[in-house]
Amino acid sequence: MAAEAPADTGGSKPIGFFERYLTVWVVLCIGGGILLGKVAPGAAQSLDRLAIYVGGAPVVSIPIAICLFLMMYPIMVKIDFGEVIKAGRSARPVGLTLFINWAVKPFTMYAISVFFLGTVFYGLIGSEATDLVKLPFGLDLDVGSTHGAGMVVLQDGVKMLQVPLWRSYLAGCILLGIAPCTAMVLVWGYLARGNDGLTLVMVAINSLTMLLLYGVLGGFLLGVGRLPVPWQALLLSIAIYVALPLVAGYLSRKWIIQKKGMEWFKQRFLHFLTPVTIVALLATLVLLFSFKGDVIVAKPFTILWIAVPLFIQTVLIFSLGYILAKVLKLSYRDAAPSAMIGASNHFEVAIATSTMLFGLSSGAALATVVGVLIEVPVMLMLVRFCLRTQSWFK
């Protein structure tokens, strides 16, 4: 987007009032969402049921998908696809992203989660505390037999696997760690005034790599038998959260410029779209926490125990990516999204996968919801850090 950078992402442009206090609006929206879930639980549950289901699990929430489309479209329509082709030839930032996401991030997530959940917070979670999760797909064991760290029990006439509670939380953290972001990172890169074209290229490469490695790494790190690749969930999620706004942005950009000209497009149309991304982000938060706020309120300390390793992991991966970008002598506009895409998680896929594999009420599903809880505030903190350290790069 070199031609449009001064207007959209230039480093000299001061951050606006709305963006400056975005963390405040985020906190208010989280609180508003939890309050909505308490005051009108029926409305929240009705909205939550509006979803596209795969294998009996809600994979794509229709209200969230609408909000994410409105969040992504203003970013996609700004992208000059000529610059995308140029960005795709930049081997260093793309290579850095793949290295961080697949050679480092899954294993640091596992190590940090085991250390905190299985050691530091083990006594607080409870050595005797257990969780009931679904048996792995295709596995039929007798009641009383063991599988991994769990035992098969009969719960309401259904065979379930009883596992230590901390291990269930660990599974959710792992599913977050192997699901690097393929949608929201476009928002973080945009707010940090990064190279939107490069971010889009990395999202595309990341999405394809995720299809190949998600199941392999998940099965290896979970250690609870073979993890089936959720092909339908992954493809559907990528199609709705990335491909749909991308196609809409490309086609509408081309049509508007042909009809109205580049000047009108930049000065009038983009100006109108400027607040849409952030407003849609805030609306998404209200919806998410109206759906899941009751769980968070019911288990505040559990949320803290899970949030600590997730927070440390996010900051660690961002720091590693940002430092390596400096070592590789990347420009700031390439360094910021390269670090962001590793730090951020694809929580939609993680939540859907944990629900399919372990069950909606499992500790694993709760851990992925905590990922949503800390994702926005922490990433906004990192966005502000990036904006303040632009001078570190050429």
Protein backbone atom coordinates (compact mmCIF):
# COMPACT_ATOMS: atom_id res chain seq x y z
CA MET A 1 0.00 0.00 0.00
CA ALA A 2 2.90 2.33 -0.66
CA ALA A 3 0.78 4.75 -2.66
CA GLU A 4 -1.70 5.14 0.19
CA ALA A 5 0.66 4.87 3.16
CA PRO A 6 0.84 8.61 3.93
CA ALA A 7 -2.93 8.78 4.16
CA ASP A 8 -3.55 5.54 6.04
CA THR A 9 -0.53 4.28 7.89
CA GLY A 10 2.10 6.96 7.89
CA GLY A 11 4.26 7.05 10.98
CA SER A 12 3.89 10.85 11.34
CA LYS A 13 0.12 10.78 11.63
CA PRO A 14 -0.91 11.28 15.27
CA ILE A 15 -3.15 8.67 16.84
CA GLY A 16 -6.76 9.87 17.12
CA PHE A 17 -8.75 10.39 20.32
CA PHE A 18 -10.90 7.31 19.73
CA GLU A 19 -7.85 5.10 19.10
CA ARG A 20 -5.87 6.69 21.95
CA TYR A 21 -8.39 5.54 24.55
CA LEU A 22 -9.33 2.31 22.79
CA THR A 23 -8.34 0.25 25.85
CA VAL A 24 -10.95 2.17 27.88
CA TRP A 25 -13.66 1.44 25.31
CA VAL A 26 -12.58 -2.21 25.27
CA VAL A 27 -12.93 -2.52 29.05
CA LEU A 28 -16.35 -0.83 28.93
CA CYS A 29 -17.53 -3.15 26.15
CA ILE A 30 -16.31 -6.26 28.01
CA GLY A 31 -18.21 -5.08 31.09
CA GLY A 32 -21.25 -4.22 28.97
CA GLY A 33 -21.20 -7.66 27.34
CA ILE A 34 -21.02 -9.46 30.70
CA LEU A 35 -23.84 -7.25 32.02
CA LEU A 36 -25.96 -7.98 28.94
CA GLY A 37 -25.47 -11.71 29.46
CA LYS A 38 -26.65 -11.35 33.06
CA VAL A 39 -29.55 -8.97 32.48
CA ALA A 40 -30.88 -10.61 29.31
CA PRO A 41 -29.49 -14.16 29.24
CA GLY A 42 -32.23 -15.29 26.89
CA ALA A 43 -31.23 -12.75 24.24
CA ALA A 44 -27.56 -13.68 24.55
CA GLN A 45 -28.32 -17.41 24.28
CA SER A 46 -30.55 -16.85 21.24
CA LEU A 47 -27.78 -14.93 19.49
CA ASP A 48 -25.24 -17.57 20.48
CA ARG A 49 -27.34 -20.29 18.85
CA LEU A 50 -27.25 -18.44 15.51
CA ALA A 51 -24.27 -20.36 14.17
CA ILE A 52 -23.02 -22.57 11.36
CA TYR A 53 -22.48 -26.06 12.77
CA VAL A 54 -19.92 -28.68 11.72
CA GLY A 55 -20.05 -32.11 13.32
CA GLY A 56 -22.53 -30.87 15.90
CA ALA A 57 -20.21 -28.09 17.10
CA PRO A 58 -20.87 -24.37 16.51
CA VAL A 59 -17.94 -23.38 14.28
CA VAL A 60 -18.98 -19.95 13.02
CA SER A 61 -21.19 -17.60 15.02
CA ILE A 62 -23.31 -15.66 12.53
CA PRO A 63 -23.49 -12.43 14.65
CA ILE A 64 -19.71 -12.57 15.23
CA ALA A 65 -19.12 -13.26 11.53
CA ILE A 66 -21.11 -10.13 10.61
CA CYS A 67 -19.12 -8.02 13.07
CA LEU A 68 -15.82 -9.46 11.84
CA PHE A 69 -16.80 -8.73 8.23
CA LEU A 70 -17.45 -5.09 9.14
CA MET A 71 -14.14 -5.10 11.01
CA MET A 72 -12.14 -6.53 8.11
CA TYR A 73 -13.77 -4.90 5.10
CA PRO A 74 -12.42 -1.35 5.71
CA ILE A 75 -8.92 -2.82 5.93
CA MET A 76 -9.27 -5.01 2.84
CA VAL A 77 -10.70 -2.24 0.67
CA LYS A 78 -7.62 -0.09 1.37
CA ILE A 79 -5.18 -2.70 0.11
CA ASP A 80 -3.47 -2.03 -3.22
CA PHE A 81 -3.04 -5.53 -4.63
CA GLY A 82 -0.12 -4.41 -6.75
CA GLU A 83 1.69 -3.82 -3.47
CA VAL A 84 0.57 -7.22 -2.20
CA ILE A 85 2.45 -8.89 -5.06
CA LYS A 86 5.56 -6.88 -4.19
CA ALA A 87 5.21 -7.76 -0.50
CA GLY A 88 4.98 -11.45 -1.35
CA ARG A 89 8.51 -11.31 -2.74
CA SER A 90 9.88 -10.26 0.66
CA ALA A 91 11.37 -13.51 1.90
CA ARG A 92 12.68 -12.25 5.25
CA PRO A 93 9.42 -11.16 6.94
CA VAL A 94 7.52 -14.16 5.58
CA GLY A 95 10.27 -16.54 6.70
CA LEU A 96 10.37 -14.89 10.12
CA THR A 97 6.61 -15.34 10.52
CA LEU A 98 6.71 -19.03 9.59
CA PHE A 99 9.65 -19.68 11.92
CA ILE A 100 8.02 -17.99 14.92
CA ASN A 101 4.57 -19.47 14.34
CA TRP A 102 5.50 -23.09 13.73
CA ALA A 103 9.04 -23.75 15.02
CA VAL A 104 8.80 -21.73 18.25
CA LYS A 105 5.31 -20.71 19.37
CA PRO A 106 3.63 -24.15 19.85
CA PHE A 107 6.51 -25.42 21.99
CA THR A 108 6.89 -22.31 24.16
CA MET A 109 3.11 -22.40 24.74
CA TYR A 110 3.35 -26.00 25.89
CA ALA A 111 6.34 -25.37 28.15
CA ILE A 112 4.93 -22.20 29.76
CA SER A 113 1.50 -23.76 30.31
CA VAL A 114 2.92 -26.93 31.87
CA PHE A 115 5.13 -24.85 34.17
CA PHE A 116 2.31 -22.63 35.46
CA LEU A 117 -0.71 -24.93 35.34
CA GLY A 118 1.12 -28.13 36.28
CA THR A 119 3.53 -26.65 38.83
CA VAL A 120 3.04 -23.06 40.03
CA PHE A 121 -0.79 -23.13 40.16
CA TYR A 122 -1.13 -26.89 40.60
CA GLY A 123 -2.09 -26.66 44.27
CA LEU A 124 -4.54 -23.83 43.64
CA ILE A 125 -6.29 -25.69 40.84
CA GLY A 126 -6.39 -28.77 43.05
CA SER A 127 -4.44 -31.99 42.80
CA GLU A 128 -7.69 -33.97 43.01
CA ALA A 129 -9.70 -31.70 40.68
CA THR A 130 -10.86 -33.50 37.53
CA ASP A 131 -12.67 -32.67 34.33
CA LEU A 132 -14.92 -34.75 32.08
CA VAL A 133 -14.08 -34.54 28.37
CA LYS A 134 -15.19 -36.38 25.27
CA LEU A 135 -13.42 -39.57 24.30
CA PRO A 136 -11.14 -39.05 21.26
CA PHE A 137 -12.93 -39.57 17.96
CA GLY A 138 -13.28 -43.20 16.97
CA LEU A 139 -12.13 -44.54 20.36
CA ASP A 140 -14.42 -46.94 22.25
CA LEU A 141 -13.00 -48.10 25.62
CA ASP A 142 -14.54 -49.99 28.50
CA VAL A 143 -15.58 -48.09 31.63
CA GLY A 144 -12.72 -48.10 34.12
CA SER A 145 -9.95 -48.40 31.53
CA THR A 146 -7.29 -45.73 31.24
CA HIS A 147 -6.25 -43.63 28.29
CA GLY A 148 -3.31 -41.27 28.65
CA ALA A 149 -3.75 -39.41 31.94
CA GLY A 150 -7.50 -40.12 32.08
CA MET A 151 -9.95 -42.84 33.02
CA VAL A 152 -13.13 -43.81 31.19
CA VAL A 153 -16.24 -43.19 33.28
CA LEU A 154 -19.98 -43.29 32.62
CA GLN A 155 -21.67 -39.90 32.93
CA ASP A 156 -25.45 -39.77 32.36
CA GLY A 157 -25.21 -42.90 30.25
CA VAL A 158 -22.39 -41.51 28.09
CA LYS A 159 -18.77 -42.64 28.22
CA MET A 160 -16.46 -39.75 29.13
CA LEU A 161 -12.77 -39.43 29.88
CA GLN A 162 -12.01 -38.17 33.39
CA VAL A 163 -8.73 -36.24 33.33
CA PRO A 164 -6.90 -33.98 35.81
CA LEU A 165 -8.41 -30.50 35.54
CA TRP A 166 -5.09 -28.78 34.96
CA ARG A 167 -4.44 -31.02 31.96
CA SER A 168 -7.76 -29.98 30.47
CA TYR A 169 -6.75 -26.33 30.81
CA LEU A 170 -3.40 -27.26 29.26
CA ALA A 171 -5.17 -28.74 26.22
CA GLY A 172 -7.02 -25.47 25.62
CA CYS A 173 -3.79 -23.48 25.87
CA ILE A 174 -2.13 -25.82 23.38
CA LEU A 175 -4.99 -25.39 20.90
CA LEU A 176 -4.48 -21.61 21.16
CA GLY A 177 -0.73 -21.94 20.74
CA ILE A 178 -1.02 -23.90 17.48
CA ALA A 179 -3.62 -21.52 16.01
CA PRO A 180 -1.78 -18.35 14.93
CA CYS A 181 -4.03 -15.49 13.91
CA THR A 182 -5.40 -15.29 10.38
CA ALA A 183 -7.97 -12.52 10.77
CA MET A 184 -7.66 -10.14 13.71
CA VAL A 185 -3.97 -9.58 12.97
CA LEU A 186 -5.14 -7.44 10.04
CA VAL A 187 -6.71 -5.13 12.63
CA TRP A 188 -3.62 -5.08 14.84
CA GLY A 189 -1.31 -4.44 11.88
CA TYR A 190 -3.60 -1.68 10.66
CA LEU A 191 -3.70 0.04 14.08
CA ALA A 192 0.09 -0.26 14.35
CA ARG A 193 0.42 1.32 10.87
CA GLY A 194 2.14 -1.71 9.45
CA ASN A 195 2.35 -2.91 5.87
CA ASP A 196 -1.20 -4.12 5.13
CA GLY A 197 -0.13 -5.79 1.89
CA LEU A 198 2.54 -7.83 3.67
CA THR A 199 0.10 -8.70 6.47
CA LEU A 200 -2.37 -10.06 3.91
CA VAL A 201 0.33 -12.16 2.25
CA MET A 202 1.40 -13.59 5.61
CA VAL A 203 -2.22 -14.32 6.53
CA ALA A 204 -2.65 -16.28 3.28
CA ILE A 205 0.55 -18.28 3.82
CA ASN A 206 -0.30 -18.82 7.47
CA SER A 207 -3.76 -20.13 6.60
CA LEU A 208 -2.35 -22.72 4.19
CA THR A 209 0.36 -23.75 6.65
CA MET A 210 -2.26 -24.09 9.37
CA LEU A 211 -4.18 -26.60 7.27
CA LEU A 212 -1.05 -28.74 7.02
CA LEU A 213 0.40 -28.46 10.53
CA TYR A 214 -2.52 -27.82 12.90
CA GLY A 215 -3.50 -31.46 13.30
CA VAL A 216 0.10 -32.75 13.28
CA LEU A 217 1.31 -30.41 16.03
CA GLY A 218 -1.95 -30.74 17.97
CA GLY A 219 -1.74 -34.52 18.05
CA PHE A 220 1.91 -34.40 19.09
CA LEU A 221 1.56 -31.81 21.86
CA LEU A 222 -1.76 -32.91 23.31
CA GLY A 223 -0.52 -36.46 23.78
CA VAL A 224 -4.08 -37.79 24.09
CA GLY A 225 -4.16 -39.80 20.91
CA ARG A 226 -4.48 -38.69 17.37
CA LEU A 227 -6.04 -35.25 16.86
CA PRO A 228 -8.19 -35.19 13.73
CA VAL A 229 -7.63 -32.19 11.52
CA PRO A 230 -10.82 -30.06 11.64
CA TRP A 231 -10.71 -29.44 7.89
CA GLN A 232 -14.26 -28.17 7.61
CA ALA A 233 -13.92 -25.85 10.59
CA LEU A 234 -10.61 -24.44 9.33
CA LEU A 235 -11.74 -23.93 5.75
CA LEU A 236 -15.08 -22.43 6.77
CA SER A 237 -13.44 -20.10 9.28
CA ILE A 238 -10.81 -18.88 6.81
CA ALA A 239 -13.42 -18.44 4.07
CA ILE A 240 -15.73 -16.34 6.25
CA TYR A 241 -13.22 -14.37 8.32
CA VAL A 242 -10.62 -13.67 5.59
CA ALA A 243 -11.69 -14.62 2.06
CA LEU A 244 -15.17 -13.03 2.08
CA PRO A 245 -14.09 -9.53 3.18
CA LEU A 246 -11.01 -9.82 0.93
CA VAL A 247 -13.09 -10.50 -2.21
CA ALA A 248 -15.64 -7.83 -1.25
CA GLY A 249 -12.86 -5.30 -0.63
CA TYR A 250 -11.07 -6.04 -3.90
CA LEU A 251 -14.20 -5.88 -6.07
CA SER A 252 -15.70 -2.79 -4.43
CA ARG A 253 -12.34 -0.94 -4.50
CA LYS A 254 -11.97 -1.62 -8.22
CA TRP A 255 -15.56 -0.57 -8.96
CA ILE A 256 -15.47 2.62 -6.86
CA ILE A 257 -12.17 3.81 -8.33
CA GLN A 258 -13.50 3.21 -11.86
CA LYS A 259 -16.72 5.11 -11.13
CA LYS A 260 -15.54 7.90 -8.83
CA GLY A 261 -11.78 8.09 -9.23
CA MET A 262 -8.89 7.58 -6.80
CA GLU A 263 -9.20 11.01 -5.20
CA TRP A 264 -12.86 10.51 -4.21
CA PHE A 265 -12.06 6.98 -3.01
CA LYS A 266 -9.26 8.18 -0.72
CA GLN A 267 -10.74 11.44 0.51
CA ARG A 268 -14.44 10.58 0.84
CA PHE A 269 -14.99 6.83 0.92
CA LEU A 270 -12.05 5.87 3.14
CA HIS A 271 -12.77 8.77 5.48
CA PHE A 272 -16.30 7.43 5.94
CA LEU A 273 -14.95 3.93 6.70
CA THR A 274 -12.30 5.05 9.20
CA PRO A 275 -14.27 4.38 12.43
CA VAL A 276 -16.04 1.25 11.15
CA THR A 277 -13.24 -1.21 12.03
CA ILE A 278 -12.97 -0.09 15.65
CA VAL A 279 -16.74 0.15 16.17
CA ALA A 280 -17.11 -3.40 14.79
CA LEU A 281 -14.31 -4.58 17.08
CA LEU A 282 -16.12 -3.15 20.11
CA ALA A 283 -19.44 -4.68 19.02
CA THR A 284 -17.68 -8.04 18.67
CA LEU A 285 -16.47 -7.79 22.25
CA VAL A 286 -19.96 -7.03 23.55
CA LEU A 287 -21.30 -10.12 21.74
CA LEU A 288 -18.47 -12.42 22.82
CA PHE A 289 -18.75 -11.54 26.48
CA SER A 290 -22.53 -11.62 26.52
CA PHE A 291 -22.15 -15.25 25.34
CA LYS A 292 -19.36 -16.30 27.72
CA GLY A 293 -19.44 -13.73 30.51
CA ASP A 294 -21.27 -16.00 32.98
CA VAL A 295 -18.40 -18.51 32.86
CA ILE A 296 -15.87 -15.77 33.56
CA VAL A 297 -17.86 -14.35 36.48
CA ALA A 298 -18.41 -17.81 37.96
CA LYS A 299 -14.70 -18.74 37.91
CA PRO A 300 -12.66 -15.52 38.32
CA PHE A 301 -9.58 -17.16 39.90
CA THR A 302 -9.55 -19.94 37.35
CA ILE A 303 -9.50 -17.25 34.67
CA LEU A 304 -6.45 -15.69 36.33
CA TRP A 305 -4.55 -18.99 36.48
CA ILE A 306 -5.12 -19.61 32.79
CA ALA A 307 -4.53 -15.98 31.79
CA VAL A 308 -1.02 -15.80 33.31
CA PRO A 309 0.67 -18.32 30.95
CA LEU A 310 -1.30 -16.97 27.97
CA PHE A 311 -0.18 -13.41 28.75
CA ILE A 312 3.48 -14.42 29.17
CA GLN A 313 3.37 -16.43 25.96
CA THR A 314 1.90 -13.51 23.99
CA VAL A 315 4.50 -11.01 25.21
CA LEU A 316 7.36 -13.50 24.74
CA ILE A 317 6.45 -14.38 21.15
CA PHE A 318 5.91 -10.73 20.23
CA SER A 319 9.25 -9.73 21.77
CA LEU A 320 11.10 -12.52 19.97
CA GLY A 321 9.53 -11.59 16.62
CA TYR A 322 10.17 -7.87 17.10
CA ILE A 323 13.81 -8.39 18.11
CA LEU A 324 14.48 -10.77 15.22
CA ALA A 325 12.87 -8.25 12.84
CA LYS A 326 15.36 -5.68 14.10
CA VAL A 327 18.24 -8.14 13.66
CA LEU A 328 17.07 -8.90 10.11
CA LYS A 329 16.94 -5.13 9.44
CA LEU A 330 13.30 -5.07 8.43
CA SER A 331 11.49 -1.77 8.08
CA TYR A 332 9.06 -0.83 10.84
CA ARG A 333 6.06 -1.37 8.51
CA ASP A 334 7.21 -4.99 7.98
CA ALA A 335 8.44 -5.61 11.53
CA ALA A 336 5.20 -4.69 13.32
CA PRO A 337 2.87 -7.17 11.52
CA SER A 338 5.60 -9.86 11.50
CA ALA A 339 5.68 -9.74 15.31
CA MET A 340 1.92 -9.29 15.68
CA ILE A 341 0.88 -12.35 13.66
CA GLY A 342 2.83 -14.68 15.93
CA ALA A 343 1.64 -13.07 19.16
CA SER A 344 -2.04 -13.11 18.21
CA ASN A 345 -4.17 -16.28 18.19
CA HIS A 346 -6.95 -17.58 15.96
CA PHE A 347 -9.30 -18.02 18.92
CA GLU A 348 -12.33 -18.80 16.72
CA VAL A 349 -10.69 -22.01 15.45
CA ALA A 350 -9.31 -22.85 18.91
CA ILE A 351 -12.75 -22.53 20.52
CA ALA A 352 -14.42 -24.57 17.77
CA THR A 353 -11.75 -27.30 17.96
CA SER A 354 -11.81 -27.52 21.76
CA THR A 355 -15.61 -27.81 21.65
CA MET A 356 -15.50 -30.57 19.03
CA LEU A 357 -12.72 -32.52 20.74
CA PHE A 358 -13.43 -32.08 24.44
CA GLY A 359 -16.94 -30.65 24.84
CA LEU A 360 -18.52 -27.26 25.39
CA SER A 361 -18.30 -27.43 29.21
CA SER A 362 -14.71 -28.71 29.33
CA GLY A 363 -11.77 -26.93 30.91
CA ALA A 364 -10.15 -26.90 27.48
CA ALA A 365 -13.04 -24.87 26.04
CA LEU A 366 -12.84 -22.49 29.02
CA ALA A 367 -9.12 -21.93 28.39
CA THR A 368 -9.79 -20.91 24.79
CA VAL A 369 -12.45 -18.45 26.00
CA VAL A 370 -9.82 -16.93 28.32
CA GLY A 371 -7.73 -16.49 25.18
CA VAL A 372 -10.45 -14.18 23.87
CA LEU A 373 -10.53 -12.33 27.20
CA ILE A 374 -6.86 -11.34 27.13
CA GLU A 375 -6.39 -11.14 23.35
CA VAL A 376 -7.71 -7.64 22.73
CA PRO A 377 -6.28 -5.74 25.74
CA VAL A 378 -2.84 -7.36 25.38
CA MET A 379 -2.64 -6.84 21.62
CA LEU A 380 -3.71 -3.21 22.02
CA MET A 381 -0.88 -2.80 24.53
CA LEU A 382 1.55 -4.22 21.97
CA VAL A 383 0.13 -1.95 19.25
CA ARG A 384 0.89 1.08 21.43
CA PHE A 385 4.38 -0.28 22.10
CA CYS A 386 4.98 -0.61 18.36
CA LEU A 387 3.81 2.94 17.67
CA ARG A 388 6.17 4.29 20.34
CA THR A 389 9.18 2.36 19.03
CA GLN A 390 8.98 3.12 15.31
CA SER A 391 12.28 5.00 15.61
CA TRP A 392 14.06 1.71 16.39
CA PHE A 393 13.75 0.78 12.73
CA LYS A 394 14.91 2.49 9.58
